[in-house]
Amino acid sequence: MSRHFAQGGDRCGWPQAIFFDLDGTLVDSAPDLAASLNEVLALEGHAALSLDEVRAMVGNGVRKLVERGFAARAIALQGTVLDARTATMMETYGRQVTERTTLMPAAEMIVKAYHQAGVTLGVVTNKPEGFTRAILDHFGFSDLMAVVVGGDSGPEKKPAPDMLLHAARQAGFHPSRCLMVGDSPADAGAARAAGMACVLVRGGYT
């Protein structure tokens, strides 16, 4: 994938910017998310979920992950109760955000190759920006990303196009000159709505 687009970029100046999803695209954060979610479930006396179960729930932000996790234990959370459990999850996850998280295969090679080629890079993820920046810093990616847009940065979350449009404006390029790299229907839908090309990686979460 990296060679194909790098060569294409050399020939026609496209893409000028690449925006990566985080979870399931650049990093495998499911082990830390699963450990944190299971701690929250245990506080309520519920059995732990498997890593594969949690992987399938990742992709629409922490609040949705908590909602799905409790739903898997036949508990429908909403309103202030869901708010409270989400706050507990945020606190729990914040203590171990990089303990078990690893880079996805070839992620480092691809990111560094495009950065060295002069392509503007960014991360656009439904994960909260603080957690996102902590992970990027942990893996030495912070200085390589010109744009970081998290789920609490302001724009409506994916699959709405707002986050990608915001990232394109920050990068200074028209969406048609940008590429979204992700692993989910939410990534593809957001890119399509933003008028941006999209590549979905294999081996992601969805």
Protein backbone atom coordinates (compact mmCIF):
# COMPACT_ATOMS: atom_id res chain seq x y z
CA MET A 1 0.00 0.00 0.00
CA SER A 2 2.71 2.49 0.95
CA ARG A 3 4.73 1.92 -2.22
CA HIS A 4 1.68 2.26 -4.48
CA PHE A 5 0.56 5.60 -3.07
CA ALA A 6 4.06 6.99 -2.62
CA GLN A 7 4.78 6.42 -6.31
CA GLY A 8 1.41 7.87 -7.27
CA GLY A 9 2.15 10.93 -5.15
CA ASP A 10 5.51 11.43 -6.86
CA ARG A 11 3.87 11.42 -10.28
CA CYS A 12 0.78 13.57 -9.78
CA GLY A 13 1.18 15.36 -6.45
CA TRP A 14 -1.58 13.33 -4.79
CA PRO A 15 -2.24 12.86 -1.98
CA GLN A 16 -1.03 16.10 -0.45
CA ALA A 17 -2.32 15.03 2.96
CA ILE A 18 -3.10 11.67 4.53
CA PHE A 19 -5.34 11.38 7.58
CA PHE A 20 -5.11 8.13 9.54
CA ASP A 21 -7.64 6.63 11.88
CA LEU A 22 -5.98 5.47 15.10
CA ASP A 23 -7.52 2.34 16.65
CA GLY A 24 -7.24 -0.63 14.31
CA THR A 25 -5.34 1.42 11.72
CA LEU A 26 -2.14 2.75 13.31
CA VAL A 27 -2.34 0.96 16.66
CA ASP A 28 -3.90 -2.09 18.25
CA SER A 29 -5.34 -0.51 21.39
CA ALA A 30 -7.94 -3.21 21.99
CA PRO A 31 -5.99 -4.91 24.83
CA ASP A 32 -5.93 -1.71 26.90
CA LEU A 33 -9.54 -0.90 26.04
CA ALA A 34 -10.62 -4.42 26.97
CA ALA A 35 -8.79 -4.36 30.29
CA SER A 36 -10.35 -1.00 31.14
CA LEU A 37 -13.86 -1.97 30.08
CA ASN A 38 -13.65 -5.20 32.05
CA GLU A 39 -12.63 -3.24 35.15
CA VAL A 40 -15.74 -1.08 34.76
CA LEU A 41 -17.93 -4.15 34.24
CA ALA A 42 -16.40 -5.83 37.30
CA LEU A 43 -17.33 -2.83 39.45
CA GLU A 44 -20.96 -3.66 38.64
CA GLY A 45 -20.48 -7.38 39.20
CA HIS A 46 -20.52 -8.37 35.52
CA ALA A 47 -18.34 -10.99 33.85
CA ALA A 48 -15.42 -9.95 31.68
CA LEU A 49 -15.63 -9.75 27.91
CA SER A 50 -13.11 -11.47 25.67
CA LEU A 51 -10.55 -9.47 23.71
CA ASP A 52 -12.24 -10.44 20.44
CA GLU A 53 -15.60 -9.26 21.76
CA VAL A 54 -14.15 -5.88 22.65
CA ARG A 55 -12.32 -5.56 19.32
CA ALA A 56 -15.67 -5.84 17.56
CA MET A 57 -17.08 -2.99 19.69
CA VAL A 58 -14.33 -0.45 19.01
CA GLY A 59 -14.80 2.36 16.53
CA ASN A 60 -17.34 4.95 17.64
CA GLY A 61 -15.77 6.46 20.72
CA VAL A 62 -15.53 5.59 24.42
CA ARG A 63 -19.18 6.27 25.23
CA LYS A 64 -20.39 3.88 22.53
CA LEU A 65 -17.85 1.26 23.65
CA VAL A 66 -19.21 1.40 27.20
CA GLU A 67 -22.78 1.20 25.92
CA ARG A 68 -21.95 -1.84 23.78
CA GLY A 69 -19.99 -3.51 26.56
CA PHE A 70 -22.86 -3.33 29.01
CA ALA A 71 -25.34 -4.32 26.30
CA ALA A 72 -23.30 -7.51 25.83
CA ARG A 73 -24.16 -8.26 29.46
CA ALA A 74 -27.85 -7.49 28.85
CA ILE A 75 -27.64 -4.08 30.54
CA ALA A 76 -29.07 -1.15 28.58
CA LEU A 77 -27.33 2.04 29.70
CA GLN A 78 -28.57 5.50 28.81
CA GLY A 79 -28.68 9.06 30.05
CA THR A 80 -26.89 9.97 33.25
CA VAL A 81 -26.11 6.34 34.08
CA LEU A 82 -24.27 5.94 30.78
CA ASP A 83 -22.54 9.26 31.43
CA ALA A 84 -21.31 8.01 34.81
CA ARG A 85 -20.05 4.68 33.47
CA THR A 86 -18.32 6.49 30.61
CA ALA A 87 -16.58 8.79 33.08
CA THR A 88 -15.37 5.75 35.04
CA MET A 89 -14.13 4.18 31.82
CA MET A 90 -12.27 7.35 30.88
CA GLU A 91 -10.53 7.42 34.25
CA THR A 92 -9.70 3.72 34.15
CA TYR A 93 -8.42 3.80 30.57
CA GLY A 94 -6.40 6.94 31.24
CA ARG A 95 -4.29 5.00 33.76
CA GLN A 96 -3.27 2.36 31.21
CA VAL A 97 -3.66 3.94 27.79
CA THR A 98 -0.32 2.61 26.48
CA GLU A 99 0.36 -0.40 28.73
CA ARG A 100 -0.64 -3.08 26.20
CA THR A 101 -1.17 -1.05 23.03
CA THR A 102 1.09 -1.93 20.09
CA LEU A 103 1.64 -0.60 16.59
CA MET A 104 -0.22 -2.27 13.75
CA PRO A 105 2.00 -4.12 11.24
CA ALA A 106 3.94 -1.73 8.96
CA ALA A 107 2.38 1.35 10.60
CA GLU A 108 5.72 2.88 11.54
CA MET A 109 7.24 2.22 8.14
CA ILE A 110 4.28 3.74 6.29
CA VAL A 111 4.02 6.84 8.47
CA LYS A 112 7.74 7.59 8.29
CA ALA A 113 7.91 6.95 4.54
CA TYR A 114 5.13 9.42 3.78
CA HIS A 115 6.53 11.99 6.20
CA GLN A 116 9.94 11.76 4.55
CA ALA A 117 8.24 12.13 1.15
CA GLY A 118 6.84 15.47 2.27
CA VAL A 119 3.19 14.45 2.58
CA THR A 120 1.28 16.25 5.33
CA LEU A 121 0.06 13.68 7.88
CA GLY A 122 -2.64 13.71 10.50
CA VAL A 123 -4.78 11.55 12.75
CA VAL A 124 -8.57 11.78 12.71
CA THR A 125 -10.15 9.52 15.32
CA ASN A 126 -13.26 9.27 17.46
CA LYS A 127 -10.97 8.58 20.43
CA PRO A 128 -10.61 11.58 22.80
CA GLU A 129 -7.78 13.87 21.76
CA GLY A 130 -5.89 13.57 25.04
CA PHE A 131 -5.66 9.78 24.79
CA THR A 132 -4.77 10.08 21.10
CA ARG A 133 -1.88 12.43 21.77
CA ALA A 134 -0.61 10.22 24.60
CA ILE A 135 -0.49 7.24 22.25
CA LEU A 136 1.16 9.21 19.45
CA ASP A 137 3.77 10.51 21.87
CA HIS A 138 4.41 7.01 23.24
CA PHE A 139 5.25 5.70 19.76
CA GLY A 140 7.20 8.77 18.65
CA PHE A 141 4.58 9.90 16.13
CA SER A 142 3.70 13.28 17.63
CA ASP A 143 6.25 15.26 15.62
CA LEU A 144 5.17 13.50 12.41
CA MET A 145 1.50 14.51 12.64
CA ALA A 146 0.66 18.05 11.55
CA VAL A 147 -3.02 17.60 12.42
CA VAL A 148 -4.69 15.71 15.28
CA VAL A 149 -8.49 15.70 15.51
CA GLY A 150 -10.05 13.67 18.33
CA GLY A 151 -13.60 12.80 19.21
CA ASP A 152 -13.82 15.65 21.71
CA SER A 153 -12.07 18.25 19.52
CA GLY A 154 -15.34 19.87 18.46
CA PRO A 155 -16.51 18.57 15.06
CA GLU A 156 -19.19 15.86 14.90
CA LYS A 157 -17.70 12.37 15.03
CA LYS A 158 -17.28 10.00 12.11
CA PRO A 159 -19.19 8.84 10.09
CA ALA A 160 -20.15 12.51 9.75
CA PRO A 161 -17.68 14.32 7.47
CA ASP A 162 -17.01 17.19 9.90
CA MET A 163 -13.79 15.85 11.44
CA LEU A 164 -12.19 15.21 8.05
CA LEU A 165 -13.28 18.58 6.69
CA HIS A 166 -11.82 20.23 9.79
CA ALA A 167 -8.56 18.30 9.33
CA ALA A 168 -8.35 19.33 5.66
CA ARG A 169 -8.83 22.98 6.61
CA GLN A 170 -6.14 22.72 9.27
CA ALA A 171 -3.77 21.11 6.78
CA GLY A 172 -4.57 23.76 4.17
CA PHE A 173 -5.73 21.40 1.41
CA HIS A 174 -9.00 20.81 -0.43
CA PRO A 175 -10.57 17.47 0.60
CA SER A 176 -10.11 16.14 -2.93
CA ARG A 177 -6.35 16.43 -2.41
CA CYS A 178 -6.47 14.35 0.77
CA LEU A 179 -6.68 10.64 1.56
CA MET A 180 -8.32 8.96 4.55
CA VAL A 181 -6.81 5.68 5.76
CA GLY A 182 -9.01 3.72 8.16
CA ASP A 183 -10.48 0.35 8.99
CA SER A 184 -14.23 0.84 9.39
CA PRO A 185 -17.47 1.77 7.63
CA ALA A 186 -17.43 4.95 9.73
CA ASP A 187 -14.10 5.93 8.17
CA ALA A 188 -15.33 5.16 4.66
CA GLY A 189 -18.62 6.97 5.22
CA ALA A 190 -16.93 10.07 6.60
CA ALA A 191 -14.49 10.20 3.70
CA ARG A 192 -17.24 9.75 1.13
CA ALA A 193 -19.33 12.51 2.67
CA ALA A 194 -16.28 14.80 2.81
CA GLY A 195 -15.42 14.21 -0.85
CA MET A 196 -12.19 12.51 0.14
CA ALA A 197 -10.67 9.28 -1.17
CA CYS A 198 -10.39 6.43 1.34
CA VAL A 199 -8.32 3.29 1.80
CA LEU A 200 -9.45 0.66 4.30
CA VAL A 201 -6.68 -1.48 5.77
CA ARG A 202 -6.92 -5.21 6.29
CA GLY A 203 -6.64 -6.60 9.77
CA GLY A 204 -8.40 -3.72 11.51
CA TYR A 205 -11.28 -3.97 13.93
CA THR A 206 -14.25 -3.83 11.53
